[in-house]
Amino acid sequence: MNANPIGKPRKMRAYLIALGAASVIILAIILSSYGHLNPAPVTTSASTTTSTSYAVDAVSVISSAASRAPPGYAEGQAQQLNPSEPGLEGAGYAVFSSQTGSLGNLTVLVFGGPGSAQTYIDSVVANAKGLIGYTDVSPALSSYGHYGICYGYGEDDPDGNGSVATGVCTRGNVYIQVHLVSHSPLSIARQDVASIIGAVYGGIG
């Protein structure tokens, strides 16, 4: 019998906060070093890449996605990011929160052309594949493969109190990233990530 019934929730909150902070730090590192990375090549087929450029505003895309968010999720106010990276024309983010306490950090980057977005996601995927202890959950994003590249990864909390999942995708010159800290197991969290990414696709073009 557990003598401290609130111990696990507290531990889970600390675990989720740490993972959320780590995701922001990882994104910042990738953004700051983007121009200096030599990413490992990511194999794609002609049918899963697109050369289309979309004249969209990152914050507007995020706000549009809010109306298509998964049931139970609500969007916090979309904020503009101002990183200075090669080929990047605009960026924004927002936090989507669920009624169960899960938090999803949505980031949208709009590049000047598909080539820059391709190079960026190649770098992100190469770095993600180098992380230890994560499970590849890319199949949850397979229905978006006709838009561009998609990759997903995540892990369950070792104590069984939740999970963390991240999905990255492109559509032409637009890069989408969702990092979700969830009280649900990874099998459910990865579907929520996919649903949020799907909501973003609906607002691009």
C-alpha atoms as a PDB file:
ATOM      1  CA  MET A   1       0.000   0.000   0.000  1.00  0.00           C
ATOM      2  CA  ASN A   2       1.411   3.414  -0.913  1.00  0.00           C
ATOM      3  CA  ALA A   3       1.852   5.521   2.219  1.00  0.00           C
ATOM      4  CA  ASN A   4       2.198   8.694   0.172  1.00  0.00           C
ATOM      5  CA  PRO A   5      -0.723   8.840  -2.308  1.00  0.00           C
ATOM      6  CA  ILE A   6       0.281  12.270  -3.626  1.00  0.00           C
ATOM      7  CA  GLY A   7       3.901  11.306  -4.149  1.00  0.00           C
ATOM      8  CA  LYS A   8       3.397   9.905  -7.634  1.00  0.00           C
ATOM      9  CA  PRO A   9       1.365  12.841  -8.957  1.00  0.00           C
ATOM     10  CA  ARG A  10       4.020  15.219  -7.643  1.00  0.00           C
ATOM     11  CA  LYS A  11       6.757  13.134  -9.192  1.00  0.00           C
ATOM     12  CA  MET A  12       4.837  13.001 -12.450  1.00  0.00           C
ATOM     13  CA  ARG A  13       4.382  16.767 -12.490  1.00  0.00           C
ATOM     14  CA  ALA A  14       8.112  17.262 -11.951  1.00  0.00           C
ATOM     15  CA  TYR A  15       8.846  14.735 -14.703  1.00  0.00           C
ATOM     16  CA  LEU A  16       6.457  16.435 -17.129  1.00  0.00           C
ATOM     17  CA  ILE A  17       7.769  19.921 -16.350  1.00  0.00           C
ATOM     18  CA  ALA A  18      11.341  18.748 -16.874  1.00  0.00           C
ATOM     19  CA  LEU A  19      10.447  17.135 -20.187  1.00  0.00           C
ATOM     20  CA  GLY A  20       8.582  20.225 -21.333  1.00  0.00           C
ATOM     21  CA  ALA A  21      11.531  22.435 -20.461  1.00  0.00           C
ATOM     22  CA  ALA A  22      13.875  20.035 -22.225  1.00  0.00           C
ATOM     23  CA  SER A  23      11.825  20.223 -25.411  1.00  0.00           C
ATOM     24  CA  VAL A  24      12.059  24.016 -25.440  1.00  0.00           C
ATOM     25  CA  ILE A  25      15.818  23.849 -24.835  1.00  0.00           C
ATOM     26  CA  ILE A  26      16.283  21.297 -27.611  1.00  0.00           C
ATOM     27  CA  LEU A  27      14.312  23.479 -30.035  1.00  0.00           C
ATOM     28  CA  ALA A  28      16.395  26.518 -29.044  1.00  0.00           C
ATOM     29  CA  ILE A  29      19.648  24.597 -29.568  1.00  0.00           C
ATOM     30  CA  ILE A  30      18.525  23.356 -32.962  1.00  0.00           C
ATOM     31  CA  LEU A  31      17.419  26.850 -33.983  1.00  0.00           C
ATOM     32  CA  SER A  32      20.667  28.450 -32.826  1.00  0.00           C
ATOM     33  CA  SER A  33      22.864  25.884 -34.558  1.00  0.00           C
ATOM     34  CA  TYR A  34      20.768  25.328 -37.683  1.00  0.00           C
ATOM     35  CA  GLY A  35      23.216  27.079 -39.949  1.00  0.00           C
ATOM     36  CA  HIS A  36      26.115  24.931 -38.718  1.00  0.00           C
ATOM     37  CA  LEU A  37      24.629  21.443 -38.773  1.00  0.00           C
ATOM     38  CA  ASN A  38      25.576  18.785 -41.271  1.00  0.00           C
ATOM     39  CA  PRO A  39      22.466  16.609 -40.954  1.00  0.00           C
ATOM     40  CA  ALA A  40      22.402  12.954 -41.812  1.00  0.00           C
ATOM     41  CA  PRO A  41      20.447  12.416 -45.002  1.00  0.00           C
ATOM     42  CA  VAL A  42      16.819  11.435 -44.622  1.00  0.00           C
ATOM     43  CA  THR A  43      15.516   9.203 -47.368  1.00  0.00           C
ATOM     44  CA  THR A  44      12.287  10.406 -48.957  1.00  0.00           C
ATOM     45  CA  SER A  45      10.429   9.589 -52.125  1.00  0.00           C
ATOM     46  CA  ALA A  46       9.086  11.971 -54.734  1.00  0.00           C
ATOM     47  CA  SER A  47       5.560  11.093 -53.656  1.00  0.00           C
ATOM     48  CA  THR A  48       6.167  12.275 -50.089  1.00  0.00           C
ATOM     49  CA  THR A  49       7.824  15.634 -50.785  1.00  0.00           C
ATOM     50  CA  THR A  50       6.385  18.821 -52.202  1.00  0.00           C
ATOM     51  CA  SER A  51       7.999  21.888 -53.738  1.00  0.00           C
ATOM     52  CA  THR A  52       4.997  24.126 -53.074  1.00  0.00           C
ATOM     53  CA  SER A  53       5.507  27.309 -51.079  1.00  0.00           C
ATOM     54  CA  TYR A  54       2.653  28.696 -49.003  1.00  0.00           C
ATOM     55  CA  ALA A  55       2.319  32.407 -48.254  1.00  0.00           C
ATOM     56  CA  VAL A  56       1.123  31.971 -44.678  1.00  0.00           C
ATOM     57  CA  ASP A  57       1.727  33.583 -41.318  1.00  0.00           C
ATOM     58  CA  ALA A  58       2.845  31.168 -38.596  1.00  0.00           C
ATOM     59  CA  VAL A  59       0.677  32.695 -35.856  1.00  0.00           C
ATOM     60  CA  SER A  60      -2.370  32.719 -38.135  1.00  0.00           C
ATOM     61  CA  VAL A  61      -1.832  29.052 -38.998  1.00  0.00           C
ATOM     62  CA  ILE A  62      -1.702  28.188 -35.299  1.00  0.00           C
ATOM     63  CA  SER A  63      -4.852  30.193 -34.544  1.00  0.00           C
ATOM     64  CA  SER A  64      -6.634  28.474 -37.417  1.00  0.00           C
ATOM     65  CA  ALA A  65      -5.619  25.089 -36.026  1.00  0.00           C
ATOM     66  CA  ALA A  66      -7.377  25.869 -32.759  1.00  0.00           C
ATOM     67  CA  SER A  67     -10.784  25.360 -34.377  1.00  0.00           C
ATOM     68  CA  ARG A  68      -9.706  21.873 -35.475  1.00  0.00           C
ATOM     69  CA  ALA A  69      -7.969  20.825 -32.257  1.00  0.00           C
ATOM     70  CA  PRO A  70      -8.719  17.359 -30.843  1.00  0.00           C
ATOM     71  CA  PRO A  71     -11.756  17.137 -28.539  1.00  0.00           C
ATOM     72  CA  GLY A  72     -10.879  18.312 -25.050  1.00  0.00           C
ATOM     73  CA  TYR A  73      -7.946  20.500 -26.155  1.00  0.00           C
ATOM     74  CA  ALA A  74      -7.965  24.294 -25.989  1.00  0.00           C
ATOM     75  CA  GLU A  75      -5.363  26.653 -27.416  1.00  0.00           C
ATOM     76  CA  GLY A  76      -3.536  29.257 -25.403  1.00  0.00           C
ATOM     77  CA  GLN A  77      -2.778  32.533 -27.138  1.00  0.00           C
ATOM     78  CA  ALA A  78      -0.493  32.096 -30.148  1.00  0.00           C
ATOM     79  CA  GLN A  79       2.797  33.965 -29.776  1.00  0.00           C
ATOM     80  CA  GLN A  80       5.315  35.065 -32.361  1.00  0.00           C
ATOM     81  CA  LEU A  81       8.893  33.799 -32.249  1.00  0.00           C
ATOM     82  CA  ASN A  82      11.738  35.873 -33.632  1.00  0.00           C
ATOM     83  CA  PRO A  83      14.705  33.566 -34.301  1.00  0.00           C
ATOM     84  CA  SER A  84      17.122  34.700 -37.010  1.00  0.00           C
ATOM     85  CA  GLU A  85      17.877  31.604 -39.053  1.00  0.00           C
ATOM     86  CA  PRO A  86      18.831  31.132 -42.707  1.00  0.00           C
ATOM     87  CA  GLY A  87      15.729  31.064 -44.873  1.00  0.00           C
ATOM     88  CA  LEU A  88      13.288  31.534 -41.975  1.00  0.00           C
ATOM     89  CA  GLU A  89      10.577  34.119 -42.628  1.00  0.00           C
ATOM     90  CA  GLY A  90       8.279  33.664 -39.645  1.00  0.00           C
ATOM     91  CA  ALA A  91       7.680  31.541 -36.564  1.00  0.00           C
ATOM     92  CA  GLY A  92       5.100  31.141 -33.843  1.00  0.00           C
ATOM     93  CA  TYR A  93       4.036  28.854 -31.013  1.00  0.00           C
ATOM     94  CA  ALA A  94       1.138  28.144 -28.691  1.00  0.00           C
ATOM     95  CA  VAL A  95       0.360  25.743 -25.875  1.00  0.00           C
ATOM     96  CA  PHE A  96      -2.629  23.445 -26.279  1.00  0.00           C
ATOM     97  CA  SER A  97      -3.980  22.152 -22.968  1.00  0.00           C
ATOM     98  CA  SER A  98      -6.438  19.317 -22.432  1.00  0.00           C
ATOM     99  CA  GLN A  99      -9.110  18.808 -19.813  1.00  0.00           C
ATOM    100  CA  THR A 100      -7.035  15.932 -18.434  1.00  0.00           C
ATOM    101  CA  GLY A 101      -4.008  18.170 -17.816  1.00  0.00           C
ATOM    102  CA  SER A 102      -1.941  17.272 -20.861  1.00  0.00           C
ATOM    103  CA  LEU A 103       0.051  20.072 -22.500  1.00  0.00           C
ATOM    104  CA  GLY A 104       1.055  20.301 -26.144  1.00  0.00           C
ATOM    105  CA  ASN A 105       3.605  22.867 -27.321  1.00  0.00           C
ATOM    106  CA  LEU A 106       2.894  23.625 -30.994  1.00  0.00           C
ATOM    107  CA  THR A 107       5.586  25.400 -33.025  1.00  0.00           C
ATOM    108  CA  VAL A 108       5.200  26.468 -36.665  1.00  0.00           C
ATOM    109  CA  LEU A 109       8.134  27.760 -38.736  1.00  0.00           C
ATOM    110  CA  VAL A 110       7.606  29.300 -42.172  1.00  0.00           C
ATOM    111  CA  PHE A 111      10.654  29.280 -44.442  1.00  0.00           C
ATOM    112  CA  GLY A 112      11.260  31.150 -47.668  1.00  0.00           C
ATOM    113  CA  GLY A 113      11.187  27.925 -49.663  1.00  0.00           C
ATOM    114  CA  PRO A 114      10.711  24.153 -49.345  1.00  0.00           C
ATOM    115  CA  GLY A 115      14.468  23.526 -49.539  1.00  0.00           C
ATOM    116  CA  SER A 116      15.111  25.373 -46.284  1.00  0.00           C
ATOM    117  CA  ALA A 117      12.274  23.538 -44.535  1.00  0.00           C
ATOM    118  CA  GLN A 118      13.640  20.230 -45.850  1.00  0.00           C
ATOM    119  CA  THR A 119      17.137  20.979 -44.549  1.00  0.00           C
ATOM    120  CA  TYR A 120      15.718  21.996 -41.187  1.00  0.00           C
ATOM    121  CA  ILE A 121      13.595  18.898 -40.645  1.00  0.00           C
ATOM    122  CA  ASP A 122      16.475  16.688 -41.783  1.00  0.00           C
ATOM    123  CA  SER A 123      18.535  18.233 -38.973  1.00  0.00           C
ATOM    124  CA  VAL A 124      15.761  17.764 -36.417  1.00  0.00           C
ATOM    125  CA  VAL A 125      15.188  14.129 -37.370  1.00  0.00           C
ATOM    126  CA  ALA A 126      18.916  13.360 -37.355  1.00  0.00           C
ATOM    127  CA  ASN A 127      19.194  14.782 -33.839  1.00  0.00           C
ATOM    128  CA  ALA A 128      16.040  12.999 -32.647  1.00  0.00           C
ATOM    129  CA  LYS A 129      17.350   9.659 -33.869  1.00  0.00           C
ATOM    130  CA  GLY A 130      20.415  10.210 -31.721  1.00  0.00           C
ATOM    131  CA  LEU A 131      18.395  10.466 -28.511  1.00  0.00           C
ATOM    132  CA  ILE A 132      18.537   7.481 -26.174  1.00  0.00           C
ATOM    133  CA  GLY A 133      15.460   5.717 -24.783  1.00  0.00           C
ATOM    134  CA  TYR A 134      12.870   7.019 -27.219  1.00  0.00           C
ATOM    135  CA  THR A 135      10.449   4.964 -29.290  1.00  0.00           C
ATOM    136  CA  ASP A 136       9.822   5.739 -32.960  1.00  0.00           C
ATOM    137  CA  VAL A 137       6.103   6.548 -33.274  1.00  0.00           C
ATOM    138  CA  SER A 138       6.224   7.775 -36.882  1.00  0.00           C
ATOM    139  CA  PRO A 139       3.492   5.325 -38.007  1.00  0.00           C
ATOM    140  CA  ALA A 140       0.980   7.491 -36.110  1.00  0.00           C
ATOM    141  CA  LEU A 141       1.789  10.261 -38.619  1.00  0.00           C
ATOM    142  CA  SER A 142       1.699   8.091 -41.749  1.00  0.00           C
ATOM    143  CA  SER A 143      -1.564   9.585 -43.026  1.00  0.00           C
ATOM    144  CA  TYR A 144       0.243  12.898 -43.535  1.00  0.00           C
ATOM    145  CA  GLY A 145       3.052  11.422 -45.620  1.00  0.00           C
ATOM    146  CA  HIS A 146       1.627  12.821 -48.857  1.00  0.00           C
ATOM    147  CA  TYR A 147       2.198  16.353 -47.536  1.00  0.00           C
ATOM    148  CA  GLY A 148       5.905  15.923 -46.843  1.00  0.00           C
ATOM    149  CA  ILE A 149       8.251  14.412 -44.270  1.00  0.00           C
ATOM    150  CA  CYS A 150       6.938  13.304 -40.866  1.00  0.00           C
ATOM    151  CA  TYR A 151       8.757  11.787 -37.921  1.00  0.00           C
ATOM    152  CA  GLY A 152       7.588  11.039 -34.381  1.00  0.00           C
ATOM    153  CA  TYR A 153       9.194   9.799 -31.187  1.00  0.00           C
ATOM    154  CA  GLY A 154       8.267   9.479 -27.523  1.00  0.00           C
ATOM    155  CA  GLU A 155       8.462   7.503 -24.308  1.00  0.00           C
ATOM    156  CA  ASP A 156       6.326   6.443 -21.368  1.00  0.00           C
ATOM    157  CA  ASP A 157       7.024   7.715 -17.865  1.00  0.00           C
ATOM    158  CA  PRO A 158       9.095   4.987 -16.148  1.00  0.00           C
ATOM    159  CA  ASP A 159       6.617   4.993 -13.243  1.00  0.00           C
ATOM    160  CA  GLY A 160       3.633   4.525 -15.551  1.00  0.00           C
ATOM    161  CA  ASN A 161       2.098   7.936 -14.857  1.00  0.00           C
ATOM    162  CA  GLY A 162       2.044   9.340 -18.374  1.00  0.00           C
ATOM    163  CA  SER A 163       4.216   9.920 -21.404  1.00  0.00           C
ATOM    164  CA  VAL A 164       5.875  12.429 -23.677  1.00  0.00           C
ATOM    165  CA  ALA A 165       5.585  12.446 -27.474  1.00  0.00           C
ATOM    166  CA  THR A 166       6.914  14.676 -30.241  1.00  0.00           C
ATOM    167  CA  GLY A 167       5.929  14.870 -33.896  1.00  0.00           C
ATOM    168  CA  VAL A 168       7.597  16.905 -36.649  1.00  0.00           C
ATOM    169  CA  CYS A 169       6.239  17.333 -40.178  1.00  0.00           C
ATOM    170  CA  THR A 170       6.570  19.564 -43.214  1.00  0.00           C
ATOM    171  CA  ARG A 171       4.308  20.880 -45.914  1.00  0.00           C
ATOM    172  CA  GLY A 172       6.238  22.712 -48.584  1.00  0.00           C
ATOM    173  CA  ASN A 173       8.019  25.586 -46.843  1.00  0.00           C
ATOM    174  CA  VAL A 174       6.175  25.071 -43.531  1.00  0.00           C
ATOM    175  CA  TYR A 175       7.628  23.100 -40.615  1.00  0.00           C
ATOM    176  CA  ILE A 176       5.341  21.844 -37.819  1.00  0.00           C
ATOM    177  CA  GLN A 177       6.393  20.537 -34.418  1.00  0.00           C
ATOM    178  CA  VAL A 178       4.200  19.296 -31.572  1.00  0.00           C
ATOM    179  CA  HIS A 179       5.702  18.301 -28.233  1.00  0.00           C
ATOM    180  CA  LEU A 180       3.093  16.760 -25.943  1.00  0.00           C
ATOM    181  CA  VAL A 181       3.454  16.047 -22.226  1.00  0.00           C
ATOM    182  CA  SER A 182       0.545  13.769 -21.382  1.00  0.00           C
ATOM    183  CA  HIS A 183      -1.004  11.964 -18.438  1.00  0.00           C
ATOM    184  CA  SER A 184      -1.995   9.216 -20.883  1.00  0.00           C
ATOM    185  CA  PRO A 185       0.213   6.353 -22.089  1.00  0.00           C
ATOM    186  CA  LEU A 186       2.268   6.828 -25.238  1.00  0.00           C
ATOM    187  CA  SER A 187      -0.223   4.835 -27.322  1.00  0.00           C
ATOM    188  CA  ILE A 188      -2.774   7.625 -26.751  1.00  0.00           C
ATOM    189  CA  ALA A 189      -0.382  10.594 -26.619  1.00  0.00           C
ATOM    190  CA  ARG A 190       0.994   9.859 -30.073  1.00  0.00           C
ATOM    191  CA  GLN A 191      -2.536   9.965 -31.506  1.00  0.00           C
ATOM    192  CA  ASP A 192      -3.128  13.352 -29.870  1.00  0.00           C
ATOM    193  CA  VAL A 193       0.109  14.612 -31.426  1.00  0.00           C
ATOM    194  CA  ALA A 194      -1.077  13.375 -34.820  1.00  0.00           C
ATOM    195  CA  SER A 195      -4.461  15.065 -34.364  1.00  0.00           C
ATOM    196  CA  ILE A 196      -2.901  18.425 -33.483  1.00  0.00           C
ATOM    197  CA  ILE A 197      -0.586  18.207 -36.493  1.00  0.00           C
ATOM    198  CA  GLY A 198      -3.591  17.360 -38.657  1.00  0.00           C
ATOM    199  CA  ALA A 199      -5.346  20.480 -37.351  1.00  0.00           C
ATOM    200  CA  VAL A 200      -2.352  22.552 -38.473  1.00  0.00           C
ATOM    201  CA  TYR A 201      -2.342  21.036 -41.956  1.00  0.00           C
ATOM    202  CA  GLY A 202      -5.939  22.118 -42.378  1.00  0.00           C
ATOM    203  CA  GLY A 203      -4.913  25.741 -41.897  1.00  0.00           C
ATOM    204  CA  ILE A 204      -2.018  25.832 -44.377  1.00  0.00           C
ATOM    205  CA  GLY A 205      -3.568  25.424 -47.784  1.00  0.00           C
END
